[in-house]
Amino acid sequence: MTERKLVRSKYIVHDLTNSRDTPPKVTKDGGVVIEDGWITEVGKDFSSSDFDTVEDLGNQVVLPGLVNTHSHAGMTLFRGYADDLTLYDWLNNYIWPIEAITTAEDVRIGAKLAAIEALMSGTTTFNSMYWNVREEAQSFKEIGVRLLCGPGILTGIAELDIGEASNLISELHGKEDDMTRISMNPHAPYTVSSEDYQKITEFVKDHNQKNPNSPDVVVHTHLHEDKEEMTQIKNFATREGFSIPADVSTPTEYLNSIGVLHDSLFVAHAVGCNSSDIQLLKQAGSGVSINTVSNMKLGNSFAPVTEYYDNGVKMGIGTDSATSNNNLDMFEEMKTTAIVQKGFRGDPIRPRAWEILKVATAYGAESMGWNTVGDIAPGRRADLISIGLNKPHLQPITSQQSLLSHIVYAAQGQDVRNTMVNGEWKMLDRKIIGLDLESFLDEFEVVATALIARALEK
């Protein structure tokens, strides 16, 4: 028999998938009806007698769980290890060498910390490009955060293995309440050959066409992370022995020239895309993940968020890794993205707070092809978070606009009190159900400290 659950709250922010020109709805003193992990109704004036369970959160605001569209989960292990460096120094001299000695068990522990940090700061869907996919998936499932993950591919280092990708899809993709989905993850155009990109694209398109009743497999790659990337691509092409058309001048044009811009592709960073690049992404139906804190910290500028938004490009927000950010707090990422855009573009109006909130939830989910999450609406998974409003920095609430502004400009990840996934509370009153956090943090510190020590011995 289906259990009917009602979650009540002072405010509910919902219907974030309406027009890009329209704020989400805010219902005061309303409720969310949940059946078998799915949302069936949102509104007011529900009778308690119609439900098996009624939970009243009081003076809190309920939001859809946030969607982190780009990160590297296991890199929590390296937080603080390699700061204040250029991108290529950071990668070549610190990150790739330590990753070469990182074990699957290390990744399991690092991914578990990432899942805990995500859950406790309001993220219920997380995208990770990293190694040891099964260990990542295991850790996120234990904590209760949805994970998009898949094999990382670097030509000549971590080779493309279509057979292993097929095995991962068969084992994990969309199974068990859709907690894990598998993606293909070519690292970047300066580390992956045009041939490998094309093979990945062909595999994904063929798989999605043959499996219409399964969630689509997507391709996730870095693109245009810094101003030197086109030079890096040309140098890589020379070393690997493939050519780049003479008229290609940007990384986006390059991916388009080899036929791998498509509607199951989304790219991380895209900080240097010009108006022509934006149109190529839009026409292909490809998505972008905005990673403002990481991009600014590494000195790589910032993405043209408002231009993406106004041109209808699919887009989400990501934190990048805990090594380059250095946290996984999507509330901090929302605020920083908004104010950096306003400051550097000289426009105090755009992007609006509610636009950023949509990008961090419903639009982010859409950019990854995960359209059953990211919103509070009938037919969506019951992934909810709540923020307690009895705090000085979240007062006063005088209008719908002020509430939405508080969520983006004033709230912090630590303000999240409760987190629900698939209709079940995974965190209540800041405590993760079934987890001894203190003991796990002790375990994590031992593993991370030993790993750093091994790296420093090299």
Protein backbone atom coordinates (compact mmCIF):
# COMPACT_ATOMS: atom_id res chain seq x y z
CA MET A 1 0.00 0.00 0.00
CA THR A 2 1.31 3.45 -0.95
CA GLU A 3 2.18 5.74 1.95
CA ARG A 4 1.04 9.33 1.58
CA LYS A 5 3.28 11.82 3.31
CA LEU A 6 2.75 15.56 3.76
CA VAL A 7 5.65 17.90 4.50
CA ARG A 8 4.53 21.34 5.66
CA SER A 9 6.62 24.47 5.98
CA LYS A 10 6.38 28.25 6.34
CA TYR A 11 7.55 28.68 2.74
CA ILE A 12 7.94 26.35 -0.22
CA VAL A 13 9.93 27.40 -3.31
CA HIS A 14 8.71 25.40 -6.29
CA ASP A 15 8.04 25.30 -10.04
CA LEU A 16 11.55 26.36 -11.01
CA THR A 17 11.13 24.97 -14.53
CA ASN A 18 8.71 27.66 -15.63
CA SER A 19 9.79 30.37 -18.09
CA ARG A 20 13.35 31.71 -17.83
CA ASP A 21 11.74 35.13 -17.53
CA THR A 22 9.63 34.20 -14.50
CA PRO A 23 10.69 33.70 -10.88
CA PRO A 24 9.91 30.39 -9.19
CA LYS A 25 6.72 30.20 -7.16
CA VAL A 26 6.73 30.70 -3.41
CA THR A 27 3.83 29.21 -1.45
CA LYS A 28 3.38 30.38 2.12
CA ASP A 29 2.11 27.94 4.75
CA GLY A 30 1.92 25.18 2.18
CA GLY A 31 2.76 21.53 1.81
CA VAL A 32 4.41 18.96 -0.43
CA VAL A 33 2.65 15.62 -0.94
CA ILE A 34 4.96 12.63 -1.38
CA GLU A 35 4.07 9.10 -2.46
CA ASP A 36 6.67 6.34 -2.92
CA GLY A 37 9.49 8.87 -3.13
CA TRP A 38 7.77 11.04 -5.75
CA ILE A 39 6.11 14.43 -5.42
CA THR A 40 2.42 14.28 -6.35
CA GLU A 41 1.08 17.67 -5.21
CA VAL A 42 2.28 21.08 -4.01
CA GLY A 43 -0.12 23.60 -2.52
CA LYS A 44 -2.15 24.73 0.48
CA ASP A 45 -5.14 23.71 2.56
CA PHE A 46 -4.37 20.00 2.83
CA SER A 47 -6.26 18.04 5.49
CA SER A 48 -4.02 16.08 7.85
CA SER A 49 -6.54 13.25 7.89
CA ASP A 50 -5.76 12.48 4.25
CA PHE A 51 -2.18 11.42 5.00
CA ASP A 52 -0.39 8.58 6.73
CA THR A 53 2.37 10.92 7.91
CA VAL A 54 2.38 14.67 8.44
CA GLU A 55 5.64 16.48 9.17
CA ASP A 56 5.49 20.19 10.01
CA LEU A 57 8.86 21.94 9.71
CA GLY A 58 7.59 25.23 11.12
CA ASN A 59 9.47 28.42 10.29
CA GLN A 60 11.62 26.98 7.52
CA VAL A 61 11.81 27.33 3.76
CA VAL A 62 11.72 24.13 1.68
CA LEU A 63 13.65 24.07 -1.60
CA PRO A 64 14.53 21.42 -4.14
CA GLY A 65 17.88 19.81 -3.38
CA LEU A 66 20.74 21.63 -5.10
CA VAL A 67 22.47 20.09 -8.13
CA ASN A 68 26.27 20.30 -8.29
CA THR A 69 27.03 19.88 -11.99
CA HIS A 70 30.83 19.59 -11.87
CA SER A 71 33.27 18.26 -9.31
CA HIS A 72 35.83 15.56 -8.60
CA ALA A 73 34.61 13.80 -5.47
CA GLY A 74 37.77 11.98 -4.37
CA MET A 75 39.80 15.17 -4.41
CA THR A 76 38.60 16.04 -0.92
CA LEU A 77 41.76 14.08 -0.04
CA PHE A 78 43.93 16.92 -1.40
CA ARG A 79 42.11 19.91 0.09
CA GLY A 80 44.74 22.53 0.93
CA TYR A 81 47.55 20.48 -0.62
CA ALA A 82 48.21 22.60 -3.73
CA ASP A 83 46.95 26.16 -3.48
CA ASP A 84 47.98 29.46 -5.10
CA LEU A 85 49.27 27.92 -8.35
CA THR A 86 48.54 28.28 -12.06
CA LEU A 87 46.26 25.66 -13.63
CA TYR A 88 48.96 23.76 -15.51
CA ASP A 89 51.50 23.91 -12.66
CA TRP A 90 48.72 22.70 -10.34
CA LEU A 91 47.84 19.78 -12.65
CA ASN A 92 51.26 18.70 -13.90
CA ASN A 93 53.35 19.09 -10.76
CA TYR A 94 50.92 18.38 -7.94
CA ILE A 95 47.56 16.83 -8.83
CA TRP A 96 48.45 14.25 -11.46
CA PRO A 97 51.51 12.98 -9.52
CA ILE A 98 49.53 12.45 -6.30
CA GLU A 99 46.64 10.88 -8.18
CA ALA A 100 49.09 8.36 -9.63
CA ILE A 101 49.65 6.93 -6.13
CA THR A 102 46.03 7.23 -4.93
CA THR A 103 44.35 3.86 -4.33
CA ALA A 104 40.75 2.77 -4.86
CA GLU A 105 40.29 2.68 -1.08
CA ASP A 106 41.59 6.25 -0.83
CA VAL A 107 39.02 7.31 -3.42
CA ARG A 108 36.22 5.53 -1.55
CA ILE A 109 37.03 7.46 1.62
CA GLY A 110 37.50 10.76 -0.22
CA ALA A 111 34.22 10.34 -2.11
CA LYS A 112 32.39 9.54 1.11
CA LEU A 113 33.55 12.82 2.63
CA ALA A 114 32.40 14.62 -0.52
CA ALA A 115 28.96 13.01 -0.22
CA ILE A 116 28.73 14.00 3.45
CA GLU A 117 29.76 17.58 2.71
CA ALA A 118 27.27 17.76 -0.15
CA LEU A 119 24.37 16.38 1.88
CA MET A 120 25.05 18.64 4.84
CA SER A 121 25.15 21.74 2.62
CA GLY A 122 21.98 20.97 0.67
CA THR A 123 23.22 19.19 -2.46
CA THR A 124 21.22 16.07 -3.33
CA THR A 125 22.54 15.46 -6.87
CA PHE A 126 26.27 15.54 -7.57
CA ASN A 127 28.38 15.10 -10.70
CA SER A 128 31.90 13.75 -10.39
CA MET A 129 34.63 13.14 -12.95
CA TYR A 130 37.09 10.87 -11.22
CA TRP A 131 38.72 7.46 -10.99
CA ASN A 132 37.40 4.28 -9.32
CA VAL A 133 33.79 4.72 -10.30
CA ARG A 134 32.40 1.80 -8.30
CA GLU A 135 33.99 3.09 -5.09
CA GLU A 136 32.57 6.57 -5.71
CA ALA A 137 29.10 5.16 -6.35
CA GLN A 138 29.26 2.99 -3.22
CA SER A 139 30.15 5.93 -1.00
CA PHE A 140 27.48 8.25 -2.36
CA LYS A 141 24.83 5.55 -2.09
CA GLU A 142 25.79 4.95 1.57
CA ILE A 143 25.26 8.61 2.40
CA GLY A 144 22.20 9.03 0.18
CA VAL A 145 23.26 11.56 -2.48
CA ARG A 146 22.54 10.97 -6.15
CA LEU A 147 25.72 10.64 -8.20
CA LEU A 148 26.53 11.05 -11.88
CA CYS A 149 29.95 9.51 -12.45
CA GLY A 150 31.90 7.53 -15.01
CA PRO A 151 35.26 6.49 -16.31
CA GLY A 152 37.78 9.29 -16.77
CA ILE A 153 39.58 9.18 -20.11
CA LEU A 154 43.00 10.65 -20.98
CA THR A 155 44.57 9.41 -24.21
CA GLY A 156 47.76 7.51 -23.50
CA ILE A 157 47.21 7.57 -19.72
CA ALA A 158 43.69 6.37 -18.88
CA GLU A 159 42.58 4.76 -22.12
CA LEU A 160 39.04 4.58 -23.45
CA ASP A 161 37.49 1.19 -22.60
CA ILE A 162 34.04 0.85 -24.17
CA GLY A 163 33.62 -2.62 -22.67
CA GLU A 164 34.17 -1.38 -19.13
CA ALA A 165 31.85 1.57 -19.74
CA SER A 166 29.15 -0.85 -20.92
CA ASN A 167 29.65 -2.96 -17.79
CA LEU A 168 29.27 0.08 -15.53
CA ILE A 169 26.09 1.12 -17.32
CA SER A 170 24.63 -2.38 -16.97
CA GLU A 171 25.51 -2.54 -13.26
CA LEU A 172 24.70 0.95 -12.02
CA HIS A 173 22.98 3.27 -14.50
CA GLY A 174 19.55 4.35 -13.29
CA LYS A 175 19.21 1.42 -10.89
CA GLU A 176 17.73 1.34 -7.35
CA ASP A 177 15.69 4.54 -7.15
CA ASP A 178 17.96 6.16 -9.76
CA MET A 179 20.68 6.95 -7.22
CA THR A 180 23.57 6.42 -9.67
CA ARG A 181 23.97 7.32 -13.32
CA ILE A 182 26.97 6.66 -15.52
CA SER A 183 28.59 9.22 -17.81
CA MET A 184 31.54 9.20 -20.19
CA ASN A 185 34.28 11.59 -19.08
CA PRO A 186 36.94 12.57 -21.62
CA HIS A 187 39.10 14.91 -19.56
CA ALA A 188 39.71 17.81 -21.96
CA PRO A 189 40.59 18.61 -25.59
CA TYR A 190 44.27 18.99 -24.61
CA THR A 191 44.45 15.46 -23.11
CA VAL A 192 42.01 13.45 -25.27
CA SER A 193 42.46 12.76 -28.99
CA SER A 194 39.87 13.68 -31.59
CA GLU A 195 39.51 9.96 -32.35
CA ASP A 196 38.67 9.14 -28.73
CA TYR A 197 36.14 12.00 -28.55
CA GLN A 198 34.48 10.68 -31.70
CA LYS A 199 34.38 7.09 -30.41
CA ILE A 200 32.82 8.25 -27.15
CA THR A 201 30.21 10.31 -29.00
CA GLU A 202 29.33 7.41 -31.29
CA PHE A 203 29.03 5.02 -28.34
CA VAL A 204 26.76 7.36 -26.35
CA LYS A 205 24.48 8.19 -29.27
CA ASP A 206 24.16 4.50 -30.18
CA HIS A 207 23.47 3.47 -26.59
CA ASN A 208 20.82 6.15 -26.04
CA GLN A 209 19.08 5.30 -29.31
CA LYS A 210 18.95 1.60 -28.46
CA ASN A 211 17.76 2.16 -24.87
CA PRO A 212 14.89 4.68 -25.08
CA ASN A 213 13.37 3.52 -21.77
CA SER A 214 16.58 4.07 -19.80
CA PRO A 215 18.03 7.44 -18.74
CA ASP A 216 20.38 8.82 -21.37
CA VAL A 217 24.11 8.39 -20.84
CA VAL A 218 25.82 11.79 -21.11
CA VAL A 219 29.32 13.00 -21.99
CA HIS A 220 31.05 15.32 -19.53
CA THR A 221 34.29 17.13 -20.37
CA HIS A 222 36.34 20.19 -19.44
CA LEU A 223 36.28 22.93 -22.07
CA HIS A 224 37.86 26.37 -22.33
CA GLU A 225 39.00 26.51 -18.72
CA ASP A 226 41.66 29.14 -19.35
CA LYS A 227 42.98 31.47 -22.06
CA GLU A 228 45.88 29.15 -22.97
CA GLU A 229 43.71 26.16 -23.78
CA MET A 230 43.79 26.47 -27.58
CA THR A 231 47.59 26.50 -27.48
CA GLN A 232 47.53 23.44 -25.25
CA ILE A 233 45.19 21.67 -27.72
CA LYS A 234 47.50 22.43 -30.66
CA ASN A 235 50.55 21.20 -28.75
CA PHE A 236 48.72 18.01 -27.79
CA ALA A 237 47.59 17.43 -31.39
CA THR A 238 51.19 17.78 -32.59
CA ARG A 239 52.43 15.24 -30.03
CA GLU A 240 49.63 12.77 -30.79
CA GLY A 241 49.84 13.18 -34.56
CA PHE A 242 46.40 14.49 -35.43
CA SER A 243 45.54 17.74 -37.16
CA ILE A 244 43.31 20.69 -36.32
CA PRO A 245 41.54 22.59 -39.16
CA ALA A 246 43.28 25.88 -39.94
CA ASP A 247 40.12 27.94 -39.44
CA VAL A 248 39.54 26.68 -35.85
CA SER A 249 40.40 29.36 -33.30
CA THR A 250 38.61 28.32 -30.07
CA PRO A 251 38.23 25.07 -28.10
CA THR A 252 34.48 25.10 -28.77
CA GLU A 253 35.06 25.45 -32.51
CA TYR A 254 37.49 22.55 -32.28
CA LEU A 255 34.95 20.20 -30.67
CA ASN A 256 32.40 21.30 -33.26
CA SER A 257 34.86 20.64 -36.09
CA ILE A 258 35.31 17.02 -35.01
CA GLY A 259 31.55 16.47 -34.64
CA VAL A 260 31.28 15.99 -30.90
CA LEU A 261 29.03 18.89 -29.89
CA HIS A 262 25.64 17.26 -29.29
CA ASP A 263 22.67 17.32 -26.93
CA SER A 264 24.09 14.68 -24.57
CA LEU A 265 27.29 16.68 -24.01
CA PHE A 266 27.88 19.15 -21.22
CA VAL A 267 31.10 21.00 -20.53
CA ALA A 268 32.69 22.36 -17.39
CA HIS A 269 34.03 25.92 -17.10
CA ALA A 270 33.56 27.46 -20.60
CA VAL A 271 35.02 30.74 -19.32
CA GLY A 272 36.35 32.04 -22.64
CA CYS A 273 33.44 31.32 -24.96
CA ASN A 274 32.65 34.15 -27.37
CA SER A 275 29.29 34.87 -29.01
CA SER A 276 29.99 32.42 -31.84
CA ASP A 277 30.88 29.68 -29.35
CA ILE A 278 27.68 30.34 -27.44
CA GLN A 279 25.63 29.87 -30.59
CA LEU A 280 27.45 26.61 -31.38
CA LEU A 281 26.63 25.27 -27.91
CA LYS A 282 23.02 26.38 -28.18
CA GLN A 283 22.51 24.89 -31.65
CA ALA A 284 24.02 21.58 -30.55
CA GLY A 285 21.93 21.49 -27.36
CA SER A 286 25.08 21.09 -25.26
CA GLY A 287 25.11 22.26 -21.65
CA VAL A 288 27.64 24.18 -19.56
CA SER A 289 28.62 24.01 -15.89
CA ILE A 290 29.64 27.31 -14.28
CA ASN A 291 32.45 27.01 -11.70
CA THR A 292 33.08 30.55 -10.55
CA VAL A 293 35.05 30.05 -7.33
CA SER A 294 37.49 27.56 -8.85
CA ASN A 295 37.94 29.65 -12.01
CA MET A 296 38.63 32.81 -10.03
CA LYS A 297 40.97 31.05 -7.59
CA LEU A 298 43.06 29.63 -10.43
CA GLY A 299 43.14 33.03 -12.17
CA ASN A 300 41.12 31.79 -15.14
CA SER A 301 38.50 34.56 -15.39
CA PHE A 302 34.76 33.80 -15.31
CA ALA A 303 32.08 32.46 -17.62
CA PRO A 304 29.57 34.68 -19.48
CA VAL A 305 26.64 33.50 -17.35
CA THR A 306 24.07 36.09 -18.42
CA GLU A 307 24.83 35.53 -22.10
CA TYR A 308 24.40 31.77 -21.68
CA TYR A 309 21.14 32.32 -19.80
CA ASP A 310 19.67 34.81 -22.28
CA ASN A 311 20.59 32.63 -25.27
CA GLY A 312 18.84 29.61 -23.77
CA VAL A 313 21.98 27.50 -23.35
CA LYS A 314 21.46 24.63 -20.92
CA MET A 315 23.48 25.45 -17.83
CA GLY A 316 24.17 24.49 -14.24
CA ILE A 317 26.49 25.48 -11.40
CA GLY A 318 29.32 23.37 -10.01
CA THR A 319 31.83 23.78 -7.24
CA ASP A 320 34.68 21.95 -9.00
CA SER A 321 36.81 19.96 -6.56
CA ALA A 322 37.54 20.60 -2.90
CA THR A 323 41.17 21.02 -4.00
CA SER A 324 40.52 23.95 -6.33
CA ASN A 325 37.57 25.58 -4.57
CA ASN A 326 38.18 24.60 -1.55
CA ASN A 327 34.71 23.47 -0.46
CA LEU A 328 31.57 21.95 -1.96
CA ASP A 329 29.11 24.59 -0.69
CA MET A 330 26.66 25.39 -3.49
CA PHE A 331 25.20 28.32 -1.55
CA GLU A 332 28.61 30.00 -1.57
CA GLU A 333 28.90 29.15 -5.26
CA MET A 334 25.51 30.73 -6.04
CA LYS A 335 26.34 33.99 -4.28
CA THR A 336 29.84 34.23 -5.75
CA THR A 337 28.58 33.53 -9.26
CA ALA A 338 25.98 36.28 -8.99
CA ILE A 339 28.21 38.98 -7.51
CA VAL A 340 31.23 38.25 -9.73
CA GLN A 341 29.03 38.64 -12.80
CA LYS A 342 27.57 41.89 -11.49
CA GLY A 343 30.95 43.30 -10.48
CA PHE A 344 32.98 42.50 -13.57
CA ARG A 345 30.19 43.17 -16.08
CA GLY A 346 29.22 46.40 -14.35
CA ASP A 347 25.57 45.36 -14.21
CA PRO A 348 23.96 45.32 -10.73
CA ILE A 349 20.70 43.91 -12.12
CA ARG A 350 21.79 40.69 -13.85
CA PRO A 351 21.93 37.91 -13.03
CA ARG A 352 19.00 38.08 -10.65
CA ALA A 353 19.03 35.95 -7.50
CA TRP A 354 16.17 33.78 -8.69
CA GLU A 355 17.87 33.16 -12.02
CA ILE A 356 20.92 31.81 -10.21
CA LEU A 357 18.70 29.63 -8.00
CA LYS A 358 17.10 28.09 -11.08
CA VAL A 359 20.52 27.38 -12.58
CA ALA A 360 21.63 25.69 -9.34
CA THR A 361 18.59 23.40 -9.31
CA ALA A 362 16.23 22.67 -12.20
CA TYR A 363 18.36 23.98 -15.05
CA GLY A 364 21.44 22.26 -13.69
CA ALA A 365 19.60 18.95 -13.59
CA GLU A 366 18.43 19.52 -17.17
CA SER A 367 22.00 20.24 -18.32
CA MET A 368 23.00 16.75 -17.10
CA GLY A 369 19.92 15.08 -18.58
CA TRP A 370 18.51 14.30 -15.12
CA ASN A 371 15.05 15.78 -15.54
CA THR A 372 13.39 13.95 -12.65
CA VAL A 373 15.21 16.04 -10.03
CA GLY A 374 15.92 19.72 -9.37
CA ASP A 375 12.39 20.97 -8.77
CA ILE A 376 9.44 20.63 -6.40
CA ALA A 377 6.63 19.69 -8.76
CA PRO A 378 4.39 16.70 -9.46
CA GLY A 379 6.32 13.96 -11.23
CA ARG A 380 9.68 14.91 -9.70
CA ARG A 381 11.66 12.91 -7.17
CA ALA A 382 11.11 14.04 -3.57
CA ASP A 383 14.58 15.50 -3.05
CA LEU A 384 14.05 18.39 -0.65
CA ILE A 385 16.12 20.56 1.66
CA SER A 386 14.99 22.96 4.36
CA ILE A 387 16.58 26.04 5.85
CA GLY A 388 15.65 27.35 9.28
CA LEU A 389 14.72 31.02 9.11
CA ASN A 390 15.12 31.93 12.79
CA LYS A 391 18.56 33.40 12.18
CA PRO A 392 19.67 37.04 12.20
CA HIS A 393 21.23 36.89 8.72
CA LEU A 394 18.01 35.54 7.19
CA GLN A 395 15.72 38.29 8.46
CA PRO A 396 13.55 40.17 7.66
CA ILE A 397 11.37 38.37 5.12
CA THR A 398 9.07 41.01 3.76
CA SER A 399 8.21 39.58 0.33
CA GLN A 400 8.75 36.70 -2.06
CA GLN A 401 11.63 38.65 -3.59
CA SER A 402 13.36 39.11 -0.22
CA LEU A 403 13.10 35.38 0.54
CA LEU A 404 14.66 34.41 -2.80
CA SER A 405 17.39 37.01 -2.27
CA HIS A 406 18.16 35.61 1.18
CA ILE A 407 18.52 32.11 -0.25
CA VAL A 408 21.16 33.22 -2.77
CA TYR A 409 22.88 36.18 -1.07
CA ALA A 410 22.61 35.42 2.65
CA ALA A 411 22.16 31.68 3.25
CA GLN A 412 25.08 29.33 3.72
CA GLY A 413 25.42 25.58 3.43
CA GLN A 414 25.51 25.30 7.22
CA ASP A 415 22.01 26.81 7.37
CA VAL A 416 20.54 23.62 5.85
CA ARG A 417 18.79 21.74 8.67
CA ASN A 418 17.16 18.82 6.89
CA THR A 419 17.84 16.97 3.65
CA MET A 420 15.50 14.46 1.98
CA VAL A 421 16.24 12.15 -0.97
CA ASN A 422 13.60 9.91 -2.56
CA GLY A 423 11.11 10.92 0.10
CA GLU A 424 13.32 9.80 3.00
CA TRP A 425 15.16 12.11 5.38
CA LYS A 426 18.91 11.61 5.08
CA MET A 427 19.75 14.44 7.48
CA LEU A 428 17.57 15.70 10.34
CA ASP A 429 18.55 18.67 12.51
CA ARG A 430 22.08 18.62 11.04
CA LYS A 431 22.66 14.93 11.85
CA ILE A 432 23.09 12.40 9.04
CA ILE A 433 20.99 9.34 9.73
CA GLY A 434 23.05 6.23 10.42
CA LEU A 435 26.46 7.95 10.40
CA ASP A 436 28.94 8.45 13.23
CA LEU A 437 30.46 11.60 11.72
CA GLU A 438 33.20 12.05 14.29
CA SER A 439 34.50 8.51 13.80
CA PHE A 440 34.44 8.86 10.04
CA LEU A 441 36.34 12.16 10.14
CA ASP A 442 39.02 10.48 12.24
CA GLU A 443 39.27 7.71 9.62
CA PHE A 444 39.41 10.23 6.78
CA GLU A 445 42.23 12.19 8.43
CA VAL A 446 44.35 9.06 8.79
CA VAL A 447 43.87 8.13 5.11
CA ALA A 448 44.44 11.64 3.73
CA THR A 449 47.49 12.30 5.91
CA ALA A 450 49.10 9.03 4.83
CA LEU A 451 48.43 9.80 1.17
CA ILE A 452 49.98 13.28 1.38
CA ALA A 453 52.98 11.81 3.16
CA ARG A 454 53.49 9.29 0.34
CA ALA A 455 53.28 12.09 -2.22
CA LEU A 456 55.87 14.20 -0.42
CA GLU A 457 58.29 11.26 -0.33
CA LYS A 458 58.31 11.09 -4.15
